[in-house]
Structures are given as C-alpha cells and as structure tokens.
N, C-alpha and C. Protein backbone atom coordinates (compact mmCIF):
# COMPACT_ATOMS: atom_id res chain seq x y z
N MET A 1 101.74 103.50 103.85
CA MET A 1 100.47 103.20 102.67
C MET A 1 99.78 101.97 104.29
N THR A 2 98.85 102.39 104.50
CA THR A 2 98.09 100.80 105.54
C THR A 2 97.22 100.70 104.82
N LEU A 3 96.76 98.80 104.28
CA LEU A 3 95.88 98.53 104.01
C LEU A 3 95.56 97.39 104.95
N VAL A 4 94.27 97.39 105.55
CA VAL A 4 93.31 96.65 106.27
C VAL A 4 92.70 95.77 105.38
N ILE A 5 92.32 94.35 105.69
CA ILE A 5 92.35 93.65 105.12
C ILE A 5 90.32 92.69 106.24
N THR A 6 89.18 92.40 105.87
CA THR A 6 88.84 91.66 107.24
C THR A 6 88.19 90.77 106.48
N THR A 7 88.09 89.68 106.38
CA THR A 7 87.48 88.35 105.92
C THR A 7 86.64 87.49 106.93
N HIS A 8 85.41 87.18 106.18
CA HIS A 8 84.01 86.36 107.12
C HIS A 8 83.23 85.63 106.67
N ARG A 9 82.14 84.91 106.51
CA ARG A 9 81.69 83.87 105.70
C ARG A 9 80.61 85.19 105.64
N THR A 10 79.70 84.79 104.38
CA THR A 10 78.49 85.81 104.48
C THR A 10 76.89 85.02 104.76
N SER A 11 76.19 84.59 104.85
CA SER A 11 74.93 84.56 105.52
C SER A 11 74.20 83.04 104.68
N ASP A 12 74.74 83.75 103.36
CA ASP A 12 74.38 83.23 101.78
C ASP A 12 74.51 81.34 102.33
N PRO A 13 73.36 81.02 101.63
CA PRO A 13 73.95 79.39 101.78
C PRO A 13 74.22 78.62 100.93
N ALA A 14 74.92 79.28 100.15
CA ALA A 14 76.44 78.80 99.26
C ALA A 14 77.23 78.85 99.92
N MET A 15 78.64 78.00 99.67
CA MET A 15 79.75 78.83 100.75
C MET A 15 80.33 80.02 99.43
N THR A 16 80.11 81.36 100.38
CA THR A 16 81.06 83.26 100.39
C THR A 16 81.43 83.34 101.21
N ILE A 17 82.80 84.28 100.77
CA ILE A 17 83.77 84.49 101.49
C ILE A 17 83.78 86.17 101.38
N ALA A 18 83.68 86.67 102.38
CA ALA A 18 83.32 88.48 102.73
C ALA A 18 84.96 88.83 102.30
N VAL A 19 85.99 89.56 101.68
CA VAL A 19 86.92 89.68 101.64
C VAL A 19 86.73 91.54 101.30
N GLU A 20 86.88 92.24 102.38
CA GLU A 20 86.91 94.02 102.77
C GLU A 20 88.51 95.06 103.24
N PRO A 21 88.99 95.04 101.80
CA PRO A 21 89.72 95.63 101.84
C PRO A 21 89.27 97.22 102.20
N GLN A 22 90.27 98.30 102.94
CA GLN A 22 90.21 99.06 103.85
C GLN A 22 91.37 100.25 103.35
N GLY A 23 91.90 100.67 101.94
CA GLY A 23 92.69 101.74 102.24
C GLY A 23 93.22 101.23 100.28
N ALA A 24 94.47 102.07 100.64
CA ALA A 24 94.76 102.01 98.66
C ALA A 24 95.37 100.61 97.95
N ILE A 25 94.69 99.71 97.37
CA ILE A 25 95.61 99.02 97.01
C ILE A 25 96.54 99.40 95.85
N VAL A 26 97.59 99.68 96.56
CA VAL A 26 98.81 100.22 95.66
C VAL A 26 99.92 99.14 95.14
N SER A 27 100.66 99.75 94.95
CA SER A 27 102.38 98.29 94.15
C SER A 27 102.97 98.53 95.65
N ASP A 28 102.66 98.65 97.00
CA ASP A 28 103.38 97.74 98.30
C ASP A 28 102.47 98.11 99.00
N THR A 29 100.83 97.13 98.17
CA THR A 29 100.10 96.65 99.65
C THR A 29 99.35 95.46 98.76
N ALA A 30 99.16 95.78 97.24
CA ALA A 30 98.89 94.79 96.67
C ALA A 30 98.47 93.28 96.64
N TYR A 31 100.66 92.89 97.27
CA TYR A 31 100.55 91.42 97.70
C TYR A 31 99.83 91.05 98.63
N MET A 32 99.14 91.59 99.65
CA MET A 32 98.05 91.90 100.73
C MET A 32 96.56 90.50 100.25
N LEU A 33 96.91 91.79 99.01
CA LEU A 33 95.24 90.81 98.80
C LEU A 33 95.31 89.95 97.97
N ARG A 34 96.13 89.67 97.29
CA ARG A 34 96.45 88.61 96.35
C ARG A 34 97.02 87.79 97.45
N ASP A 35 97.52 87.63 98.67
CA ASP A 35 98.17 86.71 99.43
C ASP A 35 96.25 86.05 100.12
N ARG A 36 96.13 86.95 100.38
CA ARG A 36 94.35 86.85 101.28
C ARG A 36 93.33 86.07 100.98
N ILE A 37 93.17 86.69 99.11
CA ILE A 37 92.65 85.73 98.35
C ILE A 37 93.31 84.69 98.30
N THR A 38 94.27 83.97 98.22
CA THR A 38 94.78 82.85 97.84
C THR A 38 94.65 81.56 99.23
N ALA A 39 95.13 82.73 100.25
CA ALA A 39 94.37 81.99 101.67
C ALA A 39 93.44 81.57 101.84
N VAL A 40 92.25 82.16 101.38
CA VAL A 40 90.55 81.83 101.21
C VAL A 40 90.01 80.80 100.93
N LEU A 41 91.13 80.98 99.79
CA LEU A 41 90.73 79.46 98.54
C LEU A 41 91.17 78.72 99.72
N ALA A 42 92.71 78.52 99.84
CA ALA A 42 93.13 77.60 100.45
C ALA A 42 92.32 76.72 101.62
N ALA A 43 91.79 77.90 102.54
CA ALA A 43 91.53 77.48 103.58
C ALA A 43 89.42 77.17 103.78
N THR A 44 89.14 77.25 102.67
CA THR A 44 87.47 77.01 103.10
C THR A 44 87.24 76.69 101.46
N ARG A 45 87.64 76.52 100.47
CA ARG A 45 87.10 76.26 99.23
C ARG A 45 86.14 76.92 98.92
N PRO A 46 85.77 77.90 98.95
CA PRO A 46 84.83 78.40 98.91
C PRO A 46 84.18 78.76 97.29
N HIS A 47 82.43 78.81 97.15
CA HIS A 47 81.75 79.11 95.84
C HIS A 47 81.57 80.00 95.34
N ARG A 48 82.49 81.51 96.15
CA ARG A 48 82.02 82.29 95.51
C ARG A 48 83.07 82.97 96.65
N ILE A 49 83.88 83.94 95.92
CA ILE A 49 83.94 84.92 97.21
C ILE A 49 83.81 86.88 96.81
N VAL A 50 83.41 87.69 97.24
CA VAL A 50 82.72 88.92 96.86
C VAL A 50 84.15 89.57 97.69
N VAL A 51 84.80 90.54 96.46
CA VAL A 51 85.62 91.57 97.24
C VAL A 51 84.51 93.20 97.24
N ASP A 52 84.33 93.27 98.26
CA ASP A 52 84.01 94.99 98.58
C ASP A 52 84.63 95.65 98.66
N LEU A 53 84.70 96.30 97.26
CA LEU A 53 86.00 98.13 97.17
C LEU A 53 85.40 99.34 99.01
N SER A 54 83.94 99.24 99.37
CA SER A 54 83.90 100.73 98.79
C SER A 54 84.28 101.22 99.99
N ALA A 55 85.45 100.45 101.01
CA ALA A 55 86.67 101.03 101.91
C ALA A 55 87.87 101.62 100.97
N VAL A 56 87.75 101.13 99.23
CA VAL A 56 88.96 101.17 98.93
C VAL A 56 88.58 102.40 97.95
N PRO A 57 89.85 103.90 98.41
CA PRO A 57 89.97 104.64 97.52
C PRO A 57 90.53 105.24 96.14
N ALA A 58 92.01 104.22 96.08
CA ALA A 58 92.21 104.35 95.43
C ALA A 58 92.42 102.36 95.23
N ILE A 59 93.25 102.58 93.63
CA ILE A 59 94.42 101.22 92.58
C ILE A 59 94.42 101.61 91.63
N ASP A 60 96.18 100.98 91.62
CA ASP A 60 97.53 100.84 90.54
C ASP A 60 96.74 99.95 89.52
N ASP A 61 97.71 99.96 89.27
CA ASP A 61 98.40 98.49 88.06
C ASP A 61 98.77 97.46 88.79
N ALA A 62 99.46 97.92 90.13
CA ALA A 62 99.67 96.20 90.85
C ALA A 62 97.69 95.86 91.90
N GLY A 63 97.33 96.48 92.37
CA GLY A 63 95.88 96.39 92.62
C GLY A 63 94.94 95.60 92.32
N LEU A 64 94.76 96.15 90.52
CA LEU A 64 94.83 95.95 89.62
C LEU A 64 94.94 94.05 89.04
N GLY A 65 96.24 93.91 88.88
CA GLY A 65 96.88 92.72 88.95
C GLY A 65 96.30 91.59 90.10
N ALA A 66 96.15 92.34 91.33
CA ALA A 66 96.04 91.06 92.44
C ALA A 66 94.67 90.86 92.22
N LEU A 67 93.83 92.05 91.55
CA LEU A 67 92.68 91.45 91.80
C LEU A 67 92.20 90.34 90.50
N ARG A 68 92.84 90.24 89.43
CA ARG A 68 93.07 89.38 88.38
C ARG A 68 93.32 87.93 88.55
N SER A 69 95.01 88.58 89.65
CA SER A 69 95.53 87.19 90.03
C SER A 69 94.15 86.12 90.70
N GLY A 70 93.61 87.36 91.57
CA GLY A 70 92.56 86.66 92.36
C GLY A 70 91.46 85.69 91.90
N HIS A 71 91.16 86.07 90.62
CA HIS A 71 90.28 85.72 90.32
C HIS A 71 90.58 84.30 89.34
N GLU A 72 91.52 84.86 88.66
CA GLU A 72 92.39 83.54 87.99
C GLU A 72 92.42 82.41 88.64
N ALA A 73 93.14 82.38 90.22
CA ALA A 73 92.91 81.36 91.17
C ALA A 73 91.81 80.82 91.51
N ALA A 74 90.55 81.51 91.57
CA ALA A 74 89.40 80.83 92.16
C ALA A 74 88.87 80.44 90.93
N ALA A 75 88.58 81.21 89.45
CA ALA A 75 88.62 79.73 88.63
C ALA A 75 89.02 78.61 88.89
N ASP A 76 90.42 78.71 88.87
CA ASP A 76 90.84 77.40 88.82
C ASP A 76 90.48 76.62 89.81
N ARG A 77 89.73 77.12 90.87
CA ARG A 77 89.35 76.04 91.77
C ARG A 77 87.82 76.60 91.26
N ASP A 78 87.37 75.99 90.26
CA ASP A 78 85.87 76.11 90.32
C ASP A 78 85.01 77.08 91.38
N ALA A 79 85.67 78.55 91.76
CA ALA A 79 85.31 79.40 92.34
C ALA A 79 84.84 80.48 91.43
N SER A 80 83.89 81.85 91.68
CA SER A 80 84.11 83.16 91.67
C SER A 80 84.45 83.79 91.95
N LEU A 81 84.93 85.67 91.68
CA LEU A 81 85.23 86.49 91.88
C LEU A 81 84.54 87.43 91.89
N VAL A 82 84.10 88.10 92.88
CA VAL A 82 83.16 88.84 91.98
C VAL A 82 83.25 90.30 93.36
N LEU A 83 83.29 91.22 92.36
CA LEU A 83 83.47 93.41 93.01
C LEU A 83 82.12 93.69 93.33
N VAL A 84 82.35 93.95 94.24
CA VAL A 84 80.70 95.74 94.76
C VAL A 84 81.40 96.43 95.14
N ASP A 85 80.64 97.34 95.12
CA ASP A 85 80.51 98.71 95.34
C ASP A 85 81.81 99.82 95.54
N ALA A 86 82.43 99.65 94.00
CA ALA A 86 83.58 100.04 93.70
C ALA A 86 83.48 101.51 93.76
N HIS A 87 84.17 102.70 93.84
CA HIS A 87 84.00 104.25 94.18
C HIS A 87 84.03 104.26 92.39
N PRO A 88 83.98 105.26 91.77
CA PRO A 88 83.71 105.87 91.08
C PRO A 88 85.57 105.82 89.84
N VAL A 89 86.66 106.41 90.72
CA VAL A 89 88.02 106.88 90.13
C VAL A 89 88.48 104.51 90.50
N VAL A 90 87.96 104.05 90.80
CA VAL A 90 88.23 102.63 91.35
C VAL A 90 87.35 101.67 89.98
N ARG A 91 85.60 101.86 89.78
CA ARG A 91 85.36 101.91 88.82
C ARG A 91 86.09 101.34 87.41
N GLU A 92 86.81 102.90 87.03
CA GLU A 92 86.76 104.10 85.76
C GLU A 92 88.30 103.08 85.52
N GLU A 93 89.06 102.60 87.14
CA GLU A 93 90.74 102.32 86.99
C GLU A 93 90.78 100.53 86.22
N LEU A 94 88.82 99.95 87.31
CA LEU A 94 88.78 98.64 86.62
C LEU A 94 88.25 98.22 85.54
N ARG A 95 87.54 99.63 84.78
CA ARG A 95 87.18 99.43 83.50
C ARG A 95 88.78 99.50 82.61
N ARG A 96 89.31 100.29 83.18
CA ARG A 96 90.82 100.61 81.84
C ARG A 96 91.27 98.87 81.89
N TYR A 97 91.20 98.25 83.09
CA TYR A 97 92.31 97.51 82.90
C TYR A 97 91.87 95.75 82.47
N GLY A 98 90.23 96.45 82.05
CA GLY A 98 89.06 95.18 81.63
C GLY A 98 88.60 94.31 82.36
N LEU A 99 88.65 95.20 83.75
CA LEU A 99 87.86 93.97 84.83
C LEU A 99 86.44 94.37 84.94
N THR A 100 85.70 95.02 84.75
CA THR A 100 84.83 95.13 85.32
C THR A 100 83.59 94.39 84.71
N GLY A 101 84.11 93.15 84.05
CA GLY A 101 83.22 92.38 83.84
C GLY A 101 83.12 91.43 85.49
N LEU A 102 83.50 92.04 86.16
CA LEU A 102 83.44 90.64 87.42
C LEU A 102 82.87 91.89 88.62
N LEU A 103 82.57 93.26 88.47
CA LEU A 103 81.49 94.26 89.20
C LEU A 103 80.53 93.65 89.15
N HIS A 104 79.24 93.64 90.02
CA HIS A 104 78.11 93.19 90.73
C HIS A 104 77.92 94.40 91.33
N GLY A 105 76.09 95.14 91.26
CA GLY A 105 75.56 95.59 91.88
C GLY A 105 76.38 97.04 91.65
C-alpha cells in the first residue's frame, strides 16, 4: 500500500497548514499520517491543520486512530485539526468512529 502526503501552508492569514494524504490510510500506512501531523505541529506551531481527504478512498481503524491522535495532539498545542472533502465511504467510517465533529464542508 502506498500513501503519499503533501503538506503546505495555505494563504489563510492565520497560520494554517494543509495536509493532503493520497491513498488508503490503513494499518500499514496510518503511522505516516500520525507522524506528519506531529511533525507539522512541532515545526510550525499552526493555529489550524486542515486534512484534505479528497484523495483517500479508504480508511480503517488504524487510520481513524491516527486522525484522533492528531486531533488530540493539536488540541494539546492550542491548535485545531479539521477534516475536509471526505468520500462517502470515508465519511461513514468517520461517523462510525465518532469523528464527524471534525468534518467541515
């Protein structure tokens, strides 16, 4: 399984970092997303991290755990983590895991 994650600062005046995973976020790739969110928080101290899920066709419990962990790590640093553009299958998994409150748009 291959997961590619790009990261960039958005043009938002507040410090916002976009994290864009491409591929399934599953047990053998979830650590990559968790580690990227942790690195972004440590390196940039953003106010907000936006995780764009538009190129994520599937997510399992490990991936959902990585998102929850990222959300908690952001909150510990007075930042927010939001999820955008989830496919219906991914949106259903987020609902099942209790993460729909992180969805925006």
